[in-house]
Amino acid sequence: MEAAKAVVFKHNADVKPLIEVFNQMVNECMAYALKNNISSPMKLERALYNHFKQKYGFATHYCISACRVACGIIRSWKRLVKRGKANSNKPPTFKASAMRLQKELMRFQRR
């Protein structure tokens, strides 16, 4: 298993619209996955990739990240439903102001 660390960094760009669109992408992924009974991030990526490219026009890693986040949320929700801690009639939604980026997109330099 690979170790991952969440980091906070300062920037001068307004990323709120980007995060809101990412949240919308994750919610679309979850709705599609639940409707079509897809639990694999790769299958979900293949199904929604062209749709997201046409609709949002973002780089491909945003689509891939949204699909992976959505599948993780769905897996967790299904486990909770199985344990009786979540309602199976109320599907999950992604409300966090967060975004997952692929590790290849990051580079840290010591100063």
PDB file of N, CA and C in Angstrom:
ATOM      1  N   MET A   1       0.849  -1.180   0.000  1.00  0.00           N
ATOM      2  CA  MET A   1       0.000   0.000   0.000  1.00  0.00           C
ATOM      3  C   MET A   1       0.885   1.230   0.000  1.00  0.00           C
ATOM      4  N   GLU A   2       0.489   2.192  -0.756  1.00  0.00           N
ATOM      5  CA  GLU A   2       1.255   3.415  -0.890  1.00  0.00           C
ATOM      6  C   GLU A   2       0.803   4.448   0.129  1.00  0.00           C
ATOM      7  N   ALA A   3       1.745   5.104   0.759  1.00  0.00           N
ATOM      8  CA  ALA A   3       1.414   6.138   1.740  1.00  0.00           C
ATOM      9  C   ALA A   3       1.075   7.434   1.015  1.00  0.00           C
ATOM     10  N   ALA A   4       0.035   8.085   1.467  1.00  0.00           N
ATOM     11  CA  ALA A   4      -0.369   9.363   0.878  1.00  0.00           C
ATOM     12  C   ALA A   4      -0.493  10.382   1.988  1.00  0.00           C
ATOM     13  N   LYS A   5      -0.169  11.611   1.674  1.00  0.00           N
ATOM     14  CA  LYS A   5      -0.242  12.660   2.670  1.00  0.00           C
ATOM     15  C   LYS A   5      -1.006  13.843   2.084  1.00  0.00           C
ATOM     16  N   ALA A   6      -1.899  14.364   2.862  1.00  0.00           N
ATOM     17  CA  ALA A   6      -2.622  15.563   2.453  1.00  0.00           C
ATOM     18  C   ALA A   6      -1.779  16.769   2.829  1.00  0.00           C
ATOM     19  N   VAL A   7      -1.674  17.681   1.920  1.00  0.00           N
ATOM     20  CA  VAL A   7      -0.881  18.870   2.177  1.00  0.00           C
ATOM     21  C   VAL A   7      -1.712  20.112   1.890  1.00  0.00           C
ATOM     22  N   VAL A   8      -1.391  21.159   2.590  1.00  0.00           N
ATOM     23  CA  VAL A   8      -2.016  22.453   2.370  1.00  0.00           C
ATOM     24  C   VAL A   8      -0.942  23.352   1.785  1.00  0.00           C
ATOM     25  N   PHE A   9      -1.275  24.037   0.725  1.00  0.00           N
ATOM     26  CA  PHE A   9      -0.288  24.921   0.141  1.00  0.00           C
ATOM     27  C   PHE A   9      -0.942  26.252  -0.212  1.00  0.00           C
ATOM     28  N   LYS A  10      -0.146  27.279  -0.224  1.00  0.00           N
ATOM     29  CA  LYS A  10      -0.642  28.610  -0.537  1.00  0.00           C
ATOM     30  C   LYS A  10      -0.567  28.836  -2.042  1.00  0.00           C
ATOM     31  N   HIS A  11      -1.545  29.534  -2.549  1.00  0.00           N
ATOM     32  CA  HIS A  11      -1.584  29.851  -3.967  1.00  0.00           C
ATOM     33  C   HIS A  11      -2.262  31.194  -4.137  1.00  0.00           C
ATOM     34  N   ASN A  12      -2.119  31.761  -5.289  1.00  0.00           N
ATOM     35  CA  ASN A  12      -2.739  33.063  -5.524  1.00  0.00           C
ATOM     36  C   ASN A  12      -3.886  32.990  -6.536  1.00  0.00           C
ATOM     37  N   ALA A  13      -4.286  31.795  -6.918  1.00  0.00           N
ATOM     38  CA  ALA A  13      -5.376  31.630  -7.881  1.00  0.00           C
ATOM     39  C   ALA A  13      -6.686  31.339  -7.153  1.00  0.00           C
ATOM     40  N   ASP A  14      -7.788  31.683  -7.781  1.00  0.00           N
ATOM     41  CA  ASP A  14      -9.103  31.379  -7.228  1.00  0.00           C
ATOM     42  C   ASP A  14      -9.497  29.975  -7.698  1.00  0.00           C
ATOM     43  N   VAL A  15      -9.393  28.995  -6.815  1.00  0.00           N
ATOM     44  CA  VAL A  15      -9.657  27.605  -7.191  1.00  0.00           C
ATOM     45  C   VAL A  15     -11.071  27.162  -6.809  1.00  0.00           C
ATOM     46  N   LYS A  16     -11.836  28.029  -6.191  1.00  0.00           N
ATOM     47  CA  LYS A  16     -13.184  27.637  -5.766  1.00  0.00           C
ATOM     48  C   LYS A  16     -14.057  27.164  -6.930  1.00  0.00           C
ATOM     49  N   PRO A  17     -14.080  27.866  -8.091  1.00  0.00           N
ATOM     50  CA  PRO A  17     -14.887  27.357  -9.213  1.00  0.00           C
ATOM     51  C   PRO A  17     -14.420  25.979  -9.692  1.00  0.00           C
ATOM     52  N   LEU A  18     -13.118  25.747  -9.700  1.00  0.00           N
ATOM     53  CA  LEU A  18     -12.589  24.451 -10.116  1.00  0.00           C
ATOM     54  C   LEU A  18     -13.018  23.344  -9.156  1.00  0.00           C
ATOM     55  N   ILE A  19     -12.982  23.625  -7.870  1.00  0.00           N
ATOM     56  CA  ILE A  19     -13.397  22.633  -6.869  1.00  0.00           C
ATOM     57  C   ILE A  19     -14.895  22.362  -6.976  1.00  0.00           C
ATOM     58  N   GLU A  20     -15.683  23.396  -7.228  1.00  0.00           N
ATOM     59  CA  GLU A  20     -17.129  23.200  -7.390  1.00  0.00           C
ATOM     60  C   GLU A  20     -17.444  22.330  -8.607  1.00  0.00           C
ATOM     61  N   VAL A  21     -16.727  22.542  -9.693  1.00  0.00           N
ATOM     62  CA  VAL A  21     -16.929  21.717 -10.889  1.00  0.00           C
ATOM     63  C   VAL A  21     -16.479  20.283 -10.620  1.00  0.00           C
ATOM     64  N   PHE A  22     -15.371  20.119  -9.889  1.00  0.00           N
ATOM     65  CA  PHE A  22     -14.905  18.777  -9.541  1.00  0.00           C
ATOM     66  C   PHE A  22     -15.958  18.055  -8.695  1.00  0.00           C
ATOM     67  N   ASN A  23     -16.561  18.764  -7.737  1.00  0.00           N
ATOM     68  CA  ASN A  23     -17.628  18.172  -6.924  1.00  0.00           C
ATOM     69  C   ASN A  23     -18.797  17.737  -7.800  1.00  0.00           C
ATOM     70  N   GLN A  24     -19.149  18.567  -8.770  1.00  0.00           N
ATOM     71  CA  GLN A  24     -20.229  18.230  -9.691  1.00  0.00           C
ATOM     72  C   GLN A  24     -19.863  16.982 -10.505  1.00  0.00           C
ATOM     73  N   MET A  25     -18.616  16.893 -10.938  1.00  0.00           N
ATOM     74  CA  MET A  25     -18.163  15.720 -11.701  1.00  0.00           C
ATOM     75  C   MET A  25     -18.257  14.453 -10.859  1.00  0.00           C
ATOM     76  N   VAL A  26     -17.839  14.537  -9.602  1.00  0.00           N
ATOM     77  CA  VAL A  26     -17.896  13.369  -8.708  1.00  0.00           C
ATOM     78  C   VAL A  26     -19.349  12.941  -8.504  1.00  0.00           C
ATOM     79  N   ASN A  27     -20.237  13.894  -8.293  1.00  0.00           N
ATOM     80  CA  ASN A  27     -21.646  13.555  -8.101  1.00  0.00           C
ATOM     81  C   ASN A  27     -22.256  12.940  -9.364  1.00  0.00           C
ATOM     82  N   GLU A  28     -21.867  13.435 -10.536  1.00  0.00           N
ATOM     83  CA  GLU A  28     -22.324  12.823 -11.784  1.00  0.00           C
ATOM     84  C   GLU A  28     -21.798  11.394 -11.915  1.00  0.00           C
ATOM     85  N   CYS A  29     -20.547  11.196 -11.553  1.00  0.00           N
ATOM     86  CA  CYS A  29     -19.953   9.852 -11.592  1.00  0.00           C
ATOM     87  C   CYS A  29     -20.714   8.895 -10.681  1.00  0.00           C
ATOM     88  N   MET A  30     -21.024   9.340  -9.470  1.00  0.00           N
ATOM     89  CA  MET A  30     -21.736   8.478  -8.532  1.00  0.00           C
ATOM     90  C   MET A  30     -23.127   8.130  -9.046  1.00  0.00           C
ATOM     91  N   ALA A  31     -23.837   9.113  -9.594  1.00  0.00           N
ATOM     92  CA  ALA A  31     -25.178   8.851 -10.121  1.00  0.00           C
ATOM     93  C   ALA A  31     -25.126   7.847 -11.269  1.00  0.00           C
ATOM     94  N   TYR A  32     -24.169   8.011 -12.156  1.00  0.00           N
ATOM     95  CA  TYR A  32     -24.031   7.093 -13.290  1.00  0.00           C
ATOM     96  C   TYR A  32     -23.642   5.694 -12.825  1.00  0.00           C
ATOM     97  N   ALA A  33     -22.710   5.634 -11.886  1.00  0.00           N
ATOM     98  CA  ALA A  33     -22.244   4.329 -11.388  1.00  0.00           C
ATOM     99  C   ALA A  33     -23.362   3.580 -10.678  1.00  0.00           C
ATOM    100  N   LEU A  34     -24.145   4.268  -9.879  1.00  0.00           N
ATOM    101  CA  LEU A  34     -25.244   3.610  -9.176  1.00  0.00           C
ATOM    102  C   LEU A  34     -26.347   3.187 -10.147  1.00  0.00           C
ATOM    103  N   LYS A  35     -26.619   4.014 -11.137  1.00  0.00           N
ATOM    104  CA  LYS A  35     -27.661   3.698 -12.107  1.00  0.00           C
ATOM    105  C   LYS A  35     -27.286   2.474 -12.950  1.00  0.00           C
ATOM    106  N   ASN A  36     -25.999   2.368 -13.307  1.00  0.00           N
ATOM    107  CA  ASN A  36     -25.531   1.292 -14.184  1.00  0.00           C
ATOM    108  C   ASN A  36     -24.795   0.183 -13.446  1.00  0.00           C
ATOM    109  N   ASN A  37     -24.821   0.219 -12.123  1.00  0.00           N
ATOM    110  CA  ASN A  37     -24.198  -0.800 -11.277  1.00  0.00           C
ATOM    111  C   ASN A  37     -22.715  -1.000 -11.620  1.00  0.00           C
ATOM    112  N   ILE A  38     -21.975   0.089 -11.659  1.00  0.00           N
ATOM    113  CA  ILE A  38     -20.537   0.057 -11.933  1.00  0.00           C
ATOM    114  C   ILE A  38     -19.803   0.320 -10.625  1.00  0.00           C
ATOM    115  N   SER A  39     -18.835  -0.526 -10.314  1.00  0.00           N
ATOM    116  CA  SER A  39     -18.058  -0.319  -9.087  1.00  0.00           C
ATOM    117  C   SER A  39     -16.564  -0.158  -9.368  1.00  0.00           C
ATOM    118  N   SER A  40     -16.160  -0.352 -10.590  1.00  0.00           N
ATOM    119  CA  SER A  40     -14.755  -0.244 -10.967  1.00  0.00           C
ATOM    120  C   SER A  40     -14.449   1.159 -11.489  1.00  0.00           C
ATOM    121  N   PRO A  41     -13.399   1.792 -10.966  1.00  0.00           N
ATOM    122  CA  PRO A  41     -13.042   3.124 -11.475  1.00  0.00           C
ATOM    123  C   PRO A  41     -12.692   3.115 -12.966  1.00  0.00           C
ATOM    124  N   MET A  42     -12.048   2.045 -13.432  1.00  0.00           N
ATOM    125  CA  MET A  42     -11.665   1.965 -14.846  1.00  0.00           C
ATOM    126  C   MET A  42     -12.897   1.896 -15.755  1.00  0.00           C
ATOM    127  N   LYS A  43     -13.884   1.099 -15.386  1.00  0.00           N
ATOM    128  CA  LYS A  43     -15.109   1.009 -16.190  1.00  0.00           C
ATOM    129  C   LYS A  43     -15.851   2.340 -16.193  1.00  0.00           C
ATOM    130  N   LEU A  44     -15.865   2.994 -15.047  1.00  0.00           N
ATOM    131  CA  LEU A  44     -16.531   4.289 -14.949  1.00  0.00           C
ATOM    132  C   LEU A  44     -15.800   5.337 -15.792  1.00  0.00           C
ATOM    133  N   GLU A  45     -14.466   5.317 -15.763  1.00  0.00           N
ATOM    134  CA  GLU A  45     -13.676   6.235 -16.589  1.00  0.00           C
ATOM    135  C   GLU A  45     -13.979   6.034 -18.064  1.00  0.00           C
ATOM    136  N   ARG A  46     -14.001   4.779 -18.499  1.00  0.00           N
ATOM    137  CA  ARG A  46     -14.284   4.483 -19.910  1.00  0.00           C
ATOM    138  C   ARG A  46     -15.680   4.959 -20.317  1.00  0.00           C
ATOM    139  N   ALA A  47     -16.625   4.822 -19.400  1.00  0.00           N
ATOM    140  CA  ALA A  47     -18.002   5.199 -19.724  1.00  0.00           C
ATOM    141  C   ALA A  47     -18.191   6.713 -19.786  1.00  0.00           C
ATOM    142  N   LEU A  48     -17.509   7.461 -18.938  1.00  0.00           N
ATOM    143  CA  LEU A  48     -17.765   8.906 -18.828  1.00  0.00           C
ATOM    144  C   LEU A  48     -16.679   9.807 -19.409  1.00  0.00           C
ATOM    145  N   TYR A  49     -15.580   9.235 -19.842  1.00  0.00           N
ATOM    146  CA  TYR A  49     -14.433  10.028 -20.272  1.00  0.00           C
ATOM    147  C   TYR A  49     -14.791  11.020 -21.381  1.00  0.00           C
ATOM    148  N   ASN A  50     -15.363  10.548 -22.472  1.00  0.00           N
ATOM    149  CA  ASN A  50     -15.696  11.438 -23.597  1.00  0.00           C
ATOM    150  C   ASN A  50     -16.761  12.469 -23.220  1.00  0.00           C
ATOM    151  N   HIS A  51     -17.717  12.043 -22.411  1.00  0.00           N
ATOM    152  CA  HIS A  51     -18.756  12.974 -21.945  1.00  0.00           C
ATOM    153  C   HIS A  51     -18.137  14.122 -21.158  1.00  0.00           C
ATOM    154  N   PHE A  52     -17.230  13.805 -20.237  1.00  0.00           N
ATOM    155  CA  PHE A  52     -16.590  14.848 -19.426  1.00  0.00           C
ATOM    156  C   PHE A  52     -15.677  15.735 -20.269  1.00  0.00           C
ATOM    157  N   LYS A  53     -14.972  15.153 -21.228  1.00  0.00           N
ATOM    158  CA  LYS A  53     -14.096  15.951 -22.087  1.00  0.00           C
ATOM    159  C   LYS A  53     -14.914  16.965 -22.883  1.00  0.00           C
ATOM    160  N   GLN A  54     -16.072  16.539 -23.391  1.00  0.00           N
ATOM    161  CA  GLN A  54     -16.909  17.453 -24.165  1.00  0.00           C
ATOM    162  C   GLN A  54     -17.598  18.483 -23.272  1.00  0.00           C
ATOM    163  N   LYS A  55     -18.083  18.037 -22.123  1.00  0.00           N
ATOM    164  CA  LYS A  55     -18.852  18.930 -21.256  1.00  0.00           C
ATOM    165  C   LYS A  55     -17.966  19.955 -20.545  1.00  0.00           C
ATOM    166  N   TYR A  56     -16.824  19.507 -20.005  1.00  0.00           N
ATOM    167  CA  TYR A  56     -15.992  20.393 -19.185  1.00  0.00           C
ATOM    168  C   TYR A  56     -14.732  20.873 -19.889  1.00  0.00           C
ATOM    169  N   GLY A  57     -14.164  20.064 -20.764  1.00  0.00           N
ATOM    170  CA  GLY A  57     -12.961  20.457 -21.472  1.00  0.00           C
ATOM    171  C   GLY A  57     -11.710  20.512 -20.613  1.00  0.00           C
ATOM    172  N   PHE A  58     -11.729  19.844 -19.472  1.00  0.00           N
ATOM    173  CA  PHE A  58     -10.560  19.829 -18.586  1.00  0.00           C
ATOM    174  C   PHE A  58      -9.544  18.785 -19.028  1.00  0.00           C
ATOM    175  N   ALA A  59      -8.380  18.847 -18.420  1.00  0.00           N
ATOM    176  CA  ALA A  59      -7.364  17.818 -18.649  1.00  0.00           C
ATOM    177  C   ALA A  59      -7.899  16.470 -18.166  1.00  0.00           C
ATOM    178  N   THR A  60      -7.373  15.405 -18.724  1.00  0.00           N
ATOM    179  CA  THR A  60      -7.905  14.066 -18.472  1.00  0.00           C
ATOM    180  C   THR A  60      -7.808  13.635 -17.013  1.00  0.00           C
ATOM    181  N   HIS A  61      -6.821  14.126 -16.295  1.00  0.00           N
ATOM    182  CA  HIS A  61      -6.654  13.657 -14.916  1.00  0.00           C
ATOM    183  C   HIS A  61      -7.806  14.062 -14.008  1.00  0.00           C
ATOM    184  N   TYR A  62      -8.539  15.114 -14.350  1.00  0.00           N
ATOM    185  CA  TYR A  62      -9.693  15.490 -13.532  1.00  0.00           C
ATOM    186  C   TYR A  62     -10.804  14.452 -13.643  1.00  0.00           C
ATOM    187  N   CYS A  63     -11.032  13.953 -14.838  1.00  0.00           N
ATOM    188  CA  CYS A  63     -12.030  12.899 -15.046  1.00  0.00           C
ATOM    189  C   CYS A  63     -11.630  11.634 -14.298  1.00  0.00           C
ATOM    190  N   ILE A  64     -10.384  11.248 -14.421  1.00  0.00           N
ATOM    191  CA  ILE A  64      -9.891  10.042 -13.759  1.00  0.00           C
ATOM    192  C   ILE A  64     -10.001  10.176 -12.248  1.00  0.00           C
ATOM    193  N   SER A  65      -9.599  11.321 -11.717  1.00  0.00           N
ATOM    194  CA  SER A  65      -9.669  11.542 -10.270  1.00  0.00           C
ATOM    195  C   SER A  65     -11.111  11.548  -9.776  1.00  0.00           C
ATOM    196  N   ALA A  66     -12.007  12.174 -10.519  1.00  0.00           N
ATOM    197  CA  ALA A  66     -13.419  12.217 -10.116  1.00  0.00           C
ATOM    198  C   ALA A  66     -14.003  10.806 -10.066  1.00  0.00           C
ATOM    199  N   CYS A  67     -13.661   9.970 -11.038  1.00  0.00           N
ATOM    200  CA  CYS A  67     -14.163   8.592 -11.061  1.00  0.00           C
ATOM    201  C   CYS A  67     -13.626   7.784  -9.886  1.00  0.00           C
ATOM    202  N   ARG A  68     -12.373   7.977  -9.557  1.00  0.00           N
ATOM    203  CA  ARG A  68     -11.785   7.239  -8.430  1.00  0.00           C
ATOM    204  C   ARG A  68     -12.389   7.671  -7.104  1.00  0.00           C
ATOM    205  N   VAL A  69     -12.589   8.968  -6.933  1.00  0.00           N
ATOM    206  CA  VAL A  69     -13.213   9.467  -5.705  1.00  0.00           C
ATOM    207  C   VAL A  69     -14.637   8.929  -5.601  1.00  0.00           C
ATOM    208  N   ALA A  70     -15.372   8.971  -6.704  1.00  0.00           N
ATOM    209  CA  ALA A  70     -16.763   8.501  -6.701  1.00  0.00           C
ATOM    210  C   ALA A  70     -16.840   7.017  -6.346  1.00  0.00           C
ATOM    211  N   CYS A  71     -15.985   6.204  -6.922  1.00  0.00           N
ATOM    212  CA  CYS A  71     -16.005   4.761  -6.622  1.00  0.00           C
ATOM    213  C   CYS A  71     -15.642   4.493  -5.165  1.00  0.00           C
ATOM    214  N   GLY A  72     -14.722   5.260  -4.622  1.00  0.00           N
ATOM    215  CA  GLY A  72     -14.376   5.110  -3.207  1.00  0.00           C
ATOM    216  C   GLY A  72     -15.539   5.451  -2.299  1.00  0.00           C
ATOM    217  N   ILE A  73     -16.251   6.507  -2.618  1.00  0.00           N
ATOM    218  CA  ILE A  73     -17.417   6.911  -1.826  1.00  0.00           C
ATOM    219  C   ILE A  73     -18.514   5.857  -1.920  1.00  0.00           C
ATOM    220  N   ILE A  74     -18.735   5.343  -3.117  1.00  0.00           N
ATOM    221  CA  ILE A  74     -19.777   4.325  -3.300  1.00  0.00           C
ATOM    222  C   ILE A  74     -19.431   3.057  -2.532  1.00  0.00           C
ATOM    223  N   ARG A  75     -18.163   2.629  -2.578  1.00  0.00           N
ATOM    224  CA  ARG A  75     -17.756   1.440  -1.819  1.00  0.00           C
ATOM    225  C   ARG A  75     -17.983   1.625  -0.325  1.00  0.00           C
ATOM    226  N   SER A  76     -17.614   2.788   0.190  1.00  0.00           N
ATOM    227  CA  SER A  76     -17.814   3.068   1.613  1.00  0.00           C
ATOM    228  C   SER A  76     -19.302   3.078   1.954  1.00  0.00           C
ATOM    229  N   TRP A  77     -20.111   3.691   1.107  1.00  0.00           N
ATOM    230  CA  TRP A  77     -21.553   3.757   1.333  1.00  0.00           C
ATOM    231  C   TRP A  77     -22.178   2.365   1.320  1.00  0.00           C
ATOM    232  N   LYS A  78     -21.755   1.524   0.384  1.00  0.00           N
ATOM    233  CA  LYS A  78     -22.290   0.156   0.323  1.00  0.00           C
ATOM    234  C   LYS A  78     -21.943  -0.632   1.585  1.00  0.00           C
ATOM    235  N   ARG A  79     -20.731  -0.437   2.096  1.00  0.00           N
ATOM    236  CA  ARG A  79     -20.346  -1.094   3.352  1.00  0.00           C
ATOM    237  C   ARG A  79     -21.224  -0.632   4.507  1.00  0.00           C
ATOM    238  N   LEU A  80     -21.484   0.674   4.562  1.00  0.00           N
ATOM    239  CA  LEU A  80     -22.333   1.208   5.623  1.00  0.00           C
ATOM    240  C   LEU A  80     -23.760   0.699   5.500  1.00  0.00           C
ATOM    241  N   VAL A  81     -24.260   0.577   4.280  1.00  0.00           N
ATOM    242  CA  VAL A  81     -25.600   0.035   4.068  1.00  0.00           C
ATOM    243  C   VAL A  81     -25.655  -1.408   4.557  1.00  0.00           C
ATOM    244  N   LYS A  82     -24.621  -2.173   4.248  1.00  0.00           N
ATOM    245  CA  LYS A  82     -24.565  -3.576   4.663  1.00  0.00           C
ATOM    246  C   LYS A  82     -24.572  -3.709   6.181  1.00  0.00           C
ATOM    247  N   ARG A  83     -23.916  -2.781   6.853  1.00  0.00           N
ATOM    248  CA  ARG A  83     -23.862  -2.798   8.326  1.00  0.00           C
ATOM    249  C   ARG A  83     -25.103  -2.179   8.963  1.00  0.00           C
ATOM    250  N   GLY A  84     -25.965  -1.584   8.158  1.00  0.00           N
ATOM    251  CA  GLY A  84     -27.179  -0.971   8.683  1.00  0.00           C
ATOM    252  C   GLY A  84     -26.974   0.442   9.192  1.00  0.00           C
ATOM    253  N   LYS A  85     -25.871   1.087   8.810  1.00  0.00           N
ATOM    254  CA  LYS A  85     -25.575   2.433   9.295  1.00  0.00           C
ATOM    255  C   LYS A  85     -25.895   3.519   8.272  1.00  0.00           C
ATOM    256  N   ALA A  86     -26.374   3.116   7.089  1.00  0.00           N
ATOM    257  CA  ALA A  86     -26.751   4.079   6.057  1.00  0.00           C
ATOM    258  C   ALA A  86     -28.037   3.602   5.394  1.00  0.00           C
ATOM    259  N   ASN A  87     -28.758   4.549   4.855  1.00  0.00           N
ATOM    260  CA  ASN A  87     -30.028   4.254   4.193  1.00  0.00           C
ATOM    261  C   ASN A  87     -29.760   3.891   2.731  1.00  0.00           C
ATOM    262  N   SER A  88     -30.220   2.728   2.312  1.00  0.00           N
ATOM    263  CA  SER A  88     -29.986   2.294   0.934  1.00  0.00           C
ATOM    264  C   SER A  88     -30.824   3.079  -0.075  1.00  0.00           C
ATOM    265  N   ASN A  89     -31.859   3.757   0.390  1.00  0.00           N
ATOM    266  CA  ASN A  89     -32.706   4.553  -0.498  1.00  0.00           C
ATOM    267  C   ASN A  89     -32.173   5.968  -0.719  1.00  0.00           C
ATOM    268  N   LYS A  90     -31.171   6.361   0.078  1.00  0.00           N
ATOM    269  CA  LYS A  90     -30.598   7.700  -0.047  1.00  0.00           C
ATOM    270  C   LYS A  90     -29.146   7.572  -0.516  1.00  0.00           C
ATOM    271  N   PRO A  91     -28.907   7.771  -1.809  1.00  0.00           N
ATOM    272  CA  PRO A  91     -27.547   7.625  -2.329  1.00  0.00           C
ATOM    273  C   PRO A  91     -26.613   8.703  -1.784  1.00  0.00           C
ATOM    274  N   PRO A  92     -25.318   8.430  -1.773  1.00  0.00           N
ATOM    275  CA  PRO A  92     -24.363   9.397  -1.233  1.00  0.00           C
ATOM    276  C   PRO A  92     -24.162  10.587  -2.169  1.00  0.00           C
ATOM    277  N   THR A  93     -23.686  11.686  -1.599  1.00  0.00           N
ATOM    278  CA  THR A  93     -23.316  12.861  -2.381  1.00  0.00           C
ATOM    279  C   THR A  93     -21.959  13.344  -1.891  1.00  0.00           C
ATOM    280  N   PHE A  94     -21.251  14.012  -2.766  1.00  0.00           N
ATOM    281  CA  PHE A  94     -19.929  14.544  -2.435  1.00  0.00           C
ATOM    282  C   PHE A  94     -20.082  16.035  -2.205  1.00  0.00           C
ATOM    283  N   LYS A  95     -19.904  16.475  -0.960  1.00  0.00           N
ATOM    284  CA  LYS A  95     -20.110  17.876  -0.602  1.00  0.00           C
ATOM    285  C   LYS A  95     -18.825  18.575  -0.163  1.00  0.00           C
ATOM    286  N   ALA A  96     -17.759  17.841   0.005  1.00  0.00           N
ATOM    287  CA  ALA A  96     -16.523  18.407   0.541  1.00  0.00           C
ATOM    288  C   ALA A  96     -15.907  19.415  -0.427  1.00  0.00           C
ATOM    289  N   SER A  97     -15.239  20.398   0.135  1.00  0.00           N
ATOM    290  CA  SER A  97     -14.462  21.331  -0.683  1.00  0.00           C
ATOM    291  C   SER A  97     -13.056  20.775  -0.800  1.00  0.00           C
ATOM    292  N   ALA A  98     -12.943  19.714  -1.548  1.00  0.00           N
ATOM    293  CA  ALA A  98     -11.664  19.023  -1.689  1.00  0.00           C
ATOM    294  C   ALA A  98     -11.536  18.517  -3.110  1.00  0.00           C
ATOM    295  N   MET A  99     -10.299  18.206  -3.449  1.00  0.00           N
ATOM    296  CA  MET A  99     -10.031  17.721  -4.789  1.00  0.00           C
ATOM    297  C   MET A  99      -8.872  16.742  -4.718  1.00  0.00           C
ATOM    298  N   ARG A 100      -8.975  15.676  -5.450  1.00  0.00           N
ATOM    299  CA  ARG A 100      -7.892  14.700  -5.483  1.00  0.00           C
ATOM    300  C   ARG A 100      -7.119  14.900  -6.780  1.00  0.00           C
ATOM    301  N   LEU A 101      -5.817  15.017  -6.649  1.00  0.00           N
ATOM    302  CA  LEU A 101      -4.960  15.147  -7.817  1.00  0.00           C
ATOM    303  C   LEU A 101      -4.022  13.957  -7.883  1.00  0.00           C
ATOM    304  N   GLN A 102      -3.623  13.598  -9.071  1.00  0.00           N
ATOM    305  CA  GLN A 102      -2.712  12.477  -9.238  1.00  0.00           C
ATOM    306  C   GLN A 102      -1.315  12.891  -8.807  1.00  0.00           C
ATOM    307  N   LYS A 103      -0.578  11.936  -8.288  1.00  0.00           N
ATOM    308  CA  LYS A 103       0.746  12.242  -7.752  1.00  0.00           C
ATOM    309  C   LYS A 103       1.719  12.704  -8.826  1.00  0.00           C
ATOM    310  N   GLU A 104       1.491  12.322 -10.068  1.00  0.00           N
ATOM    311  CA  GLU A 104       2.378  12.721 -11.149  1.00  0.00           C
ATOM    312  C   GLU A 104       2.311  14.216 -11.424  1.00  0.00           C
ATOM    313  N   LEU A 105       1.259  14.864 -10.941  1.00  0.00           N
ATOM    314  CA  LEU A 105       1.071  16.285 -11.192  1.00  0.00           C
ATOM    315  C   LEU A 105       1.779  17.170 -10.176  1.00  0.00           C
ATOM    316  N   MET A 106       2.336  16.571  -9.166  1.00  0.00           N
ATOM    317  CA  MET A 106       2.952  17.335  -8.082  1.00  0.00           C
ATOM    318  C   MET A 106       4.488  17.218  -8.135  1.00  0.00           C
ATOM    319  N   ARG A 107       5.122  18.275  -7.730  1.00  0.00           N
ATOM    320  CA  ARG A 107       6.564  18.247  -7.551  1.00  0.00           C
ATOM    321  C   ARG A 107       6.882  19.197  -6.408  1.00  0.00           C
ATOM    322  N   PHE A 108       7.584  18.686  -5.424  1.00  0.00           N
ATOM    323  CA  PHE A 108       7.940  19.486  -4.273  1.00  0.00           C
ATOM    324  C   PHE A 108       9.427  19.798  -4.321  1.00  0.00           C
ATOM    325  N   GLN A 109       9.769  21.023  -4.026  1.00  0.00           N
ATOM    326  CA  GLN A 109      11.153  21.428  -3.989  1.00  0.00           C
ATOM    327  C   GLN A 109      11.455  21.990  -2.616  1.00  0.00           C
ATOM    328  N   ARG A 110      12.593  21.618  -2.104  1.00  0.00           N
ATOM    329  CA  ARG A 110      13.026  22.189  -0.808  1.00  0.00           C
ATOM    330  C   ARG A 110      13.606  23.547  -1.038  1.00  0.00           C
ATOM    331  N   ARG A 111      13.305  24.432  -0.121  1.00  0.00           N
ATOM    332  CA  ARG A 111      13.872  25.797  -0.218  1.00  0.00           C
ATOM    333  C   ARG A 111      14.563  26.146   1.053  1.00  0.00           C
TER     334      ARG A 111
END
